[in-house]
Amino acid sequence: MPDFDHITFDRNIMGGRACIRGMRVTVSLVVNLVANGMSAAEILAEYPYLEAEDIRQALQYAALLTQEEIIPV
């Protein structure tokens, strides 16, 4: 399991959703930006308080959450 030291959870920040380093920037926002065509460089220019590692870990975390297993019935 990867070490997600940039992904934090706090019920007092964004309702406990996965956030970047305790900021009010959710993992889902970062993933949506990438999914809608923004490059890491563009995201970092738009959100200068983010780091490249934040984007990498957000994508890794999202990938981990989507590891589905289909169990035949």
PDB file of N, CA and C in Angstrom:
ATOM      1  N   MET A   1       0.854  -1.183   0.000  1.00  0.00           N
ATOM      2  CA  MET A   1       0.000   0.000   0.000  1.00  0.00           C
ATOM      3  C   MET A   1       0.895   1.240   0.000  1.00  0.00           C
ATOM      4  N   PRO A   2       0.634   2.166  -0.925  1.00  0.00           N
ATOM      5  CA  PRO A   2       1.437   3.394  -0.971  1.00  0.00           C
ATOM      6  C   PRO A   2       1.267   4.233   0.288  1.00  0.00           C
ATOM      7  N   ASP A   3       2.262   5.036   0.571  1.00  0.00           N
ATOM      8  CA  ASP A   3       2.207   5.951   1.705  1.00  0.00           C
ATOM      9  C   ASP A   3       1.586   7.262   1.235  1.00  0.00           C
ATOM     10  N   PHE A   4       0.403   7.573   1.716  1.00  0.00           N
ATOM     11  CA  PHE A   4      -0.311   8.780   1.306  1.00  0.00           C
ATOM     12  C   PHE A   4      -0.142   9.866   2.366  1.00  0.00           C
ATOM     13  N   ASP A   5       1.068  10.349   2.534  1.00  0.00           N
ATOM     14  CA  ASP A   5       1.303  11.356   3.559  1.00  0.00           C
ATOM     15  C   ASP A   5       0.825  12.750   3.160  1.00  0.00           C
ATOM     16  N   HIS A   6       0.406  12.926   1.906  1.00  0.00           N
ATOM     17  CA  HIS A   6      -0.151  14.206   1.465  1.00  0.00           C
ATOM     18  C   HIS A   6      -1.682  14.188   1.474  1.00  0.00           C
ATOM     19  N   ILE A   7      -2.273  13.028   1.716  1.00  0.00           N
ATOM     20  CA  ILE A   7      -3.736  12.890   1.749  1.00  0.00           C
ATOM     21  C   ILE A   7      -4.168  12.857   3.210  1.00  0.00           C
ATOM     22  N   THR A   8      -5.053  13.787   3.572  1.00  0.00           N
ATOM     23  CA  THR A   8      -5.485  13.888   4.964  1.00  0.00           C
ATOM     24  C   THR A   8      -7.004  13.841   5.064  1.00  0.00           C
ATOM     25  N   PHE A   9      -7.460  13.465   6.237  1.00  0.00           N
ATOM     26  CA  PHE A   9      -8.886  13.389   6.535  1.00  0.00           C
ATOM     27  C   PHE A   9      -9.130  14.100   7.860  1.00  0.00           C
ATOM     28  N   ASP A  10     -10.052  15.042   7.851  1.00  0.00           N
ATOM     29  CA  ASP A  10     -10.413  15.771   9.061  1.00  0.00           C
ATOM     30  C   ASP A  10     -11.890  16.126   8.941  1.00  0.00           C
ATOM     31  N   ARG A  11     -12.686  15.633   9.865  1.00  0.00           N
ATOM     32  CA  ARG A  11     -14.137  15.870   9.756  1.00  0.00           C
ATOM     33  C   ARG A  11     -14.479  17.356   9.784  1.00  0.00           C
ATOM     34  N   ASN A  12     -13.560  18.185  10.241  1.00  0.00           N
ATOM     35  CA  ASN A  12     -13.808  19.634  10.283  1.00  0.00           C
ATOM     36  C   ASN A  12     -13.376  20.352   9.008  1.00  0.00           C
ATOM     37  N   ILE A  13     -12.767  19.621   8.087  1.00  0.00           N
ATOM     38  CA  ILE A  13     -12.344  20.196   6.811  1.00  0.00           C
ATOM     39  C   ILE A  13     -13.034  19.435   5.692  1.00  0.00           C
ATOM     40  N   MET A  14     -13.857  20.124   4.945  1.00  0.00           N
ATOM     41  CA  MET A  14     -14.582  19.544   3.810  1.00  0.00           C
ATOM     42  C   MET A  14     -15.371  18.289   4.209  1.00  0.00           C
ATOM     43  N   GLY A  15     -15.892  18.290   5.416  1.00  0.00           N
ATOM     44  CA  GLY A  15     -16.738  17.193   5.873  1.00  0.00           C
ATOM     45  C   GLY A  15     -16.024  15.857   5.999  1.00  0.00           C
ATOM     46  N   GLY A  16     -14.716  15.888   6.124  1.00  0.00           N
ATOM     47  CA  GLY A  16     -13.965  14.644   6.276  1.00  0.00           C
ATOM     48  C   GLY A  16     -13.545  14.001   4.970  1.00  0.00           C
ATOM     49  N   ARG A  17     -13.815  14.662   3.856  1.00  0.00           N
ATOM     50  CA  ARG A  17     -13.401  14.114   2.564  1.00  0.00           C
ATOM     51  C   ARG A  17     -11.880  14.114   2.448  1.00  0.00           C
ATOM     52  N   ALA A  18     -11.360  13.291   1.582  1.00  0.00           N
ATOM     53  CA  ALA A  18      -9.912  13.226   1.355  1.00  0.00           C
ATOM     54  C   ALA A  18      -9.439  14.567   0.804  1.00  0.00           C
ATOM     55  N   CYS A  19      -8.483  15.172   1.506  1.00  0.00           N
ATOM     56  CA  CYS A  19      -7.964  16.486   1.131  1.00  0.00           C
ATOM     57  C   CYS A  19      -6.450  16.424   0.973  1.00  0.00           C
ATOM     58  N   ILE A  20      -5.935  17.477   0.397  1.00  0.00           N
ATOM     59  CA  ILE A  20      -4.497  17.605   0.206  1.00  0.00           C
ATOM     60  C   ILE A  20      -3.898  18.353   1.389  1.00  0.00           C
ATOM     61  N   ARG A  21      -3.047  17.680   2.145  1.00  0.00           N
ATOM     62  CA  ARG A  21      -2.277  18.249   3.249  1.00  0.00           C
ATOM     63  C   ARG A  21      -3.091  19.152   4.173  1.00  0.00           C
ATOM     64  N   GLY A  22      -4.300  18.764   4.505  1.00  0.00           N
ATOM     65  CA  GLY A  22      -5.110  19.511   5.463  1.00  0.00           C
ATOM     66  C   GLY A  22      -5.705  20.792   4.904  1.00  0.00           C
ATOM     67  N   MET A  23      -5.533  21.033   3.607  1.00  0.00           N
ATOM     68  CA  MET A  23      -6.113  22.222   2.978  1.00  0.00           C
ATOM     69  C   MET A  23      -7.529  21.921   2.517  1.00  0.00           C
ATOM     70  N   ARG A  24      -8.225  22.947   2.114  1.00  0.00           N
ATOM     71  CA  ARG A  24      -9.577  22.788   1.605  1.00  0.00           C
ATOM     72  C   ARG A  24      -9.548  22.490   0.101  1.00  0.00           C
ATOM     73  N   VAL A  25      -8.613  21.653  -0.274  1.00  0.00           N
ATOM     74  CA  VAL A  25      -8.484  21.180  -1.656  1.00  0.00           C
ATOM     75  C   VAL A  25      -8.677  19.675  -1.611  1.00  0.00           C
ATOM     76  N   THR A  26      -9.749  19.200  -2.214  1.00  0.00           N
ATOM     77  CA  THR A  26     -10.055  17.772  -2.144  1.00  0.00           C
ATOM     78  C   THR A  26      -9.318  16.989  -3.229  1.00  0.00           C
ATOM     79  N   VAL A  27      -9.119  15.727  -2.932  1.00  0.00           N
ATOM     80  CA  VAL A  27      -8.550  14.820  -3.922  1.00  0.00           C
ATOM     81  C   VAL A  27      -9.442  14.796  -5.155  1.00  0.00           C
ATOM     82  N   SER A  28     -10.741  14.806  -4.951  1.00  0.00           N
ATOM     83  CA  SER A  28     -11.657  14.754  -6.095  1.00  0.00           C
ATOM     84  C   SER A  28     -11.502  15.970  -7.001  1.00  0.00           C
ATOM     85  N   LEU A  29     -11.205  17.139  -6.453  1.00  0.00           N
ATOM     86  CA  LEU A  29     -10.964  18.316  -7.286  1.00  0.00           C
ATOM     87  C   LEU A  29      -9.746  18.090  -8.172  1.00  0.00           C
ATOM     88  N   VAL A  30      -8.667  17.625  -7.576  1.00  0.00           N
ATOM     89  CA  VAL A  30      -7.433  17.401  -8.336  1.00  0.00           C
ATOM     90  C   VAL A  30      -7.669  16.358  -9.432  1.00  0.00           C
ATOM     91  N   VAL A  31      -8.331  15.274  -9.092  1.00  0.00           N
ATOM     92  CA  VAL A  31      -8.603  14.225 -10.077  1.00  0.00           C
ATOM     93  C   VAL A  31      -9.487  14.767 -11.193  1.00  0.00           C
ATOM     94  N   ASN A  32     -10.487  15.562 -10.852  1.00  0.00           N
ATOM     95  CA  ASN A  32     -11.352  16.161 -11.872  1.00  0.00           C
ATOM     96  C   ASN A  32     -10.582  17.090 -12.796  1.00  0.00           C
ATOM     97  N   LEU A  33      -9.666  17.863 -12.255  1.00  0.00           N
ATOM     98  CA  LEU A  33      -8.865  18.753 -13.096  1.00  0.00           C
ATOM     99  C   LEU A  33      -8.061  17.957 -14.109  1.00  0.00           C
ATOM    100  N   VAL A  34      -7.432  16.875 -13.661  1.00  0.00           N
ATOM    101  CA  VAL A  34      -6.665  16.021 -14.571  1.00  0.00           C
ATOM    102  C   VAL A  34      -7.600  15.369 -15.590  1.00  0.00           C
ATOM    103  N   ALA A  35      -8.736  14.868 -15.129  1.00  0.00           N
ATOM    104  CA  ALA A  35      -9.688  14.196 -16.016  1.00  0.00           C
ATOM    105  C   ALA A  35     -10.231  15.138 -17.094  1.00  0.00           C
ATOM    106  N   ASN A  36     -10.263  16.423 -16.782  1.00  0.00           N
ATOM    107  CA  ASN A  36     -10.768  17.405 -17.742  1.00  0.00           C
ATOM    108  C   ASN A  36      -9.658  18.053 -18.562  1.00  0.00           C
ATOM    109  N   GLY A  37      -8.472  17.443 -18.528  1.00  0.00           N
ATOM    110  CA  GLY A  37      -7.433  17.828 -19.459  1.00  0.00           C
ATOM    111  C   GLY A  37      -6.339  18.745 -18.947  1.00  0.00           C
ATOM    112  N   MET A  38      -6.388  19.147 -17.681  1.00  0.00           N
ATOM    113  CA  MET A  38      -5.325  20.005 -17.169  1.00  0.00           C
ATOM    114  C   MET A  38      -4.070  19.171 -16.910  1.00  0.00           C
ATOM    115  N   SER A  39      -2.942  19.727 -17.285  1.00  0.00           N
ATOM    116  CA  SER A  39      -1.675  19.068 -16.987  1.00  0.00           C
ATOM    117  C   SER A  39      -1.268  19.397 -15.556  1.00  0.00           C
ATOM    118  N   ALA A  40      -0.311  18.644 -15.059  1.00  0.00           N
ATOM    119  CA  ALA A  40       0.193  18.928 -13.713  1.00  0.00           C
ATOM    120  C   ALA A  40       0.753  20.347 -13.650  1.00  0.00           C
ATOM    121  N   ALA A  41       1.448  20.765 -14.694  1.00  0.00           N
ATOM    122  CA  ALA A  41       2.019  22.123 -14.716  1.00  0.00           C
ATOM    123  C   ALA A  41       0.923  23.175 -14.667  1.00  0.00           C
ATOM    124  N   GLU A  42      -0.170  22.948 -15.373  1.00  0.00           N
ATOM    125  CA  GLU A  42      -1.288  23.899 -15.359  1.00  0.00           C
ATOM    126  C   GLU A  42      -1.951  23.954 -13.982  1.00  0.00           C
ATOM    127  N   ILE A  43      -2.097  22.795 -13.355  1.00  0.00           N
ATOM    128  CA  ILE A  43      -2.700  22.755 -12.022  1.00  0.00           C
ATOM    129  C   ILE A  43      -1.817  23.499 -11.033  1.00  0.00           C
ATOM    130  N   LEU A  44      -0.520  23.271 -11.104  1.00  0.00           N
ATOM    131  CA  LEU A  44       0.404  23.940 -10.189  1.00  0.00           C
ATOM    132  C   LEU A  44       0.427  25.454 -10.422  1.00  0.00           C
ATOM    133  N   ALA A  45       0.245  25.895 -11.648  1.00  0.00           N
ATOM    134  CA  ALA A  45       0.185  27.334 -11.939  1.00  0.00           C
ATOM    135  C   ALA A  45      -1.103  27.940 -11.390  1.00  0.00           C
ATOM    136  N   GLU A  46      -2.206  27.195 -11.505  1.00  0.00           N
ATOM    137  CA  GLU A  46      -3.510  27.675 -11.032  1.00  0.00           C
ATOM    138  C   GLU A  46      -3.636  27.624  -9.511  1.00  0.00           C
ATOM    139  N   TYR A  47      -3.000  26.639  -8.913  1.00  0.00           N
ATOM    140  CA  TYR A  47      -3.038  26.431  -7.463  1.00  0.00           C
ATOM    141  C   TYR A  47      -1.599  26.406  -6.952  1.00  0.00           C
ATOM    142  N   PRO A  48      -0.959  27.556  -6.818  1.00  0.00           N
ATOM    143  CA  PRO A  48       0.473  27.599  -6.493  1.00  0.00           C
ATOM    144  C   PRO A  48       0.841  27.024  -5.128  1.00  0.00           C
ATOM    145  N   TYR A  49      -0.128  26.814  -4.264  1.00  0.00           N
ATOM    146  CA  TYR A  49       0.138  26.226  -2.952  1.00  0.00           C
ATOM    147  C   TYR A  49       0.176  24.709  -3.010  1.00  0.00           C
ATOM    148  N   LEU A  50      -0.116  24.125  -4.173  1.00  0.00           N
ATOM    149  CA  LEU A  50       0.000  22.677  -4.342  1.00  0.00           C
ATOM    150  C   LEU A  50       1.405  22.323  -4.808  1.00  0.00           C
ATOM    151  N   GLU A  51       1.757  21.066  -4.599  1.00  0.00           N
ATOM    152  CA  GLU A  51       3.049  20.529  -5.030  1.00  0.00           C
ATOM    153  C   GLU A  51       2.799  19.385  -6.006  1.00  0.00           C
ATOM    154  N   ALA A  52       3.785  19.110  -6.828  1.00  0.00           N
ATOM    155  CA  ALA A  52       3.663  18.002  -7.778  1.00  0.00           C
ATOM    156  C   ALA A  52       3.341  16.692  -7.054  1.00  0.00           C
ATOM    157  N   GLU A  53       3.917  16.497  -5.874  1.00  0.00           N
ATOM    158  CA  GLU A  53       3.654  15.286  -5.100  1.00  0.00           C
ATOM    159  C   GLU A  53       2.187  15.206  -4.673  1.00  0.00           C
ATOM    160  N   ASP A  54       1.543  16.344  -4.439  1.00  0.00           N
ATOM    161  CA  ASP A  54       0.115  16.356  -4.101  1.00  0.00           C
ATOM    162  C   ASP A  54      -0.703  15.753  -5.239  1.00  0.00           C
ATOM    163  N   ILE A  55      -0.391  16.157  -6.453  1.00  0.00           N
ATOM    164  CA  ILE A  55      -1.121  15.660  -7.622  1.00  0.00           C
ATOM    165  C   ILE A  55      -0.868  14.172  -7.799  1.00  0.00           C
ATOM    166  N   ARG A  56       0.384  13.769  -7.683  1.00  0.00           N
ATOM    167  CA  ARG A  56       0.725  12.356  -7.840  1.00  0.00           C
ATOM    168  C   ARG A  56      -0.013  11.488  -6.830  1.00  0.00           C
ATOM    169  N   GLN A  57      -0.004  11.906  -5.572  1.00  0.00           N
ATOM    170  CA  GLN A  57      -0.668  11.105  -4.546  1.00  0.00           C
ATOM    171  C   GLN A  57      -2.187  11.123  -4.709  1.00  0.00           C
ATOM    172  N   ALA A  58      -2.746  12.237  -5.146  1.00  0.00           N
ATOM    173  CA  ALA A  58      -4.197  12.284  -5.387  1.00  0.00           C
ATOM    174  C   ALA A  58      -4.587  11.269  -6.451  1.00  0.00           C
ATOM    175  N   LEU A  59      -3.816  11.187  -7.513  1.00  0.00           N
ATOM    176  CA  LEU A  59      -4.109  10.230  -8.578  1.00  0.00           C
ATOM    177  C   LEU A  59      -3.890   8.792  -8.112  1.00  0.00           C
ATOM    178  N   GLN A  60      -2.843   8.566  -7.341  1.00  0.00           N
ATOM    179  CA  GLN A  60      -2.599   7.223  -6.804  1.00  0.00           C
ATOM    180  C   GLN A  60      -3.732   6.804  -5.867  1.00  0.00           C
ATOM    181  N   TYR A  61      -4.189   7.729  -5.030  1.00  0.00           N
ATOM    182  CA  TYR A  61      -5.268   7.428  -4.091  1.00  0.00           C
ATOM    183  C   TYR A  61      -6.546   7.087  -4.851  1.00  0.00           C
ATOM    184  N   ALA A  62      -6.861   7.875  -5.876  1.00  0.00           N
ATOM    185  CA  ALA A  62      -8.053   7.600  -6.686  1.00  0.00           C
ATOM    186  C   ALA A  62      -7.940   6.254  -7.381  1.00  0.00           C
ATOM    187  N   ALA A  63      -6.762   5.935  -7.877  1.00  0.00           N
ATOM    188  CA  ALA A  63      -6.559   4.645  -8.535  1.00  0.00           C
ATOM    189  C   ALA A  63      -6.767   3.495  -7.552  1.00  0.00           C
ATOM    190  N   LEU A  64      -6.277   3.673  -6.340  1.00  0.00           N
ATOM    191  CA  LEU A  64      -6.456   2.640  -5.319  1.00  0.00           C
ATOM    192  C   LEU A  64      -7.945   2.417  -5.027  1.00  0.00           C
ATOM    193  N   LEU A  65      -8.701   3.501  -4.960  1.00  0.00           N
ATOM    194  CA  LEU A  65     -10.130   3.387  -4.655  1.00  0.00           C
ATOM    195  C   LEU A  65     -10.925   2.705  -5.762  1.00  0.00           C
ATOM    196  N   THR A  66     -10.396   2.721  -6.973  1.00  0.00           N
ATOM    197  CA  THR A  66     -11.140   2.135  -8.091  1.00  0.00           C
ATOM    198  C   THR A  66     -10.727   0.705  -8.412  1.00  0.00           C
ATOM    199  N   GLN A  67      -9.928   0.100  -7.572  1.00  0.00           N
ATOM    200  CA  GLN A  67      -9.546  -1.294  -7.802  1.00  0.00           C
ATOM    201  C   GLN A  67     -10.730  -2.176  -7.442  1.00  0.00           C
ATOM    202  N   GLU A  68     -11.496  -2.496  -8.461  1.00  0.00           N
ATOM    203  CA  GLU A  68     -12.715  -3.270  -8.247  1.00  0.00           C
ATOM    204  C   GLU A  68     -12.452  -4.760  -8.441  1.00  0.00           C
ATOM    205  N   GLU A  69     -13.183  -5.534  -7.703  1.00  0.00           N
ATOM    206  CA  GLU A  69     -13.195  -6.975  -7.908  1.00  0.00           C
ATOM    207  C   GLU A  69     -14.631  -7.384  -8.163  1.00  0.00           C
ATOM    208  N   ILE A  70     -14.821  -8.122  -9.212  1.00  0.00           N
ATOM    209  CA  ILE A  70     -16.140  -8.644  -9.513  1.00  0.00           C
ATOM    210  C   ILE A  70     -16.153 -10.101  -9.094  1.00  0.00           C
ATOM    211  N   ILE A  71     -17.032 -10.408  -8.182  1.00  0.00           N
ATOM    212  CA  ILE A  71     -17.127 -11.775  -7.652  1.00  0.00           C
ATOM    213  C   ILE A  71     -18.313 -12.451  -8.334  1.00  0.00           C
ATOM    214  N   PRO A  72     -18.056 -13.479  -9.105  1.00  0.00           N
ATOM    215  CA  PRO A  72     -19.159 -14.170  -9.788  1.00  0.00           C
ATOM    216  C   PRO A  72     -20.107 -14.802  -8.765  1.00  0.00           C
ATOM    217  N   VAL A  73     -21.381 -14.760  -9.107  1.00  0.00           N
ATOM    218  CA  VAL A  73     -22.396 -15.369  -8.224  1.00  0.00           C
ATOM    219  C   VAL A  73     -22.758 -16.752  -8.680  1.00  0.00           C
TER     220      VAL A  73
END
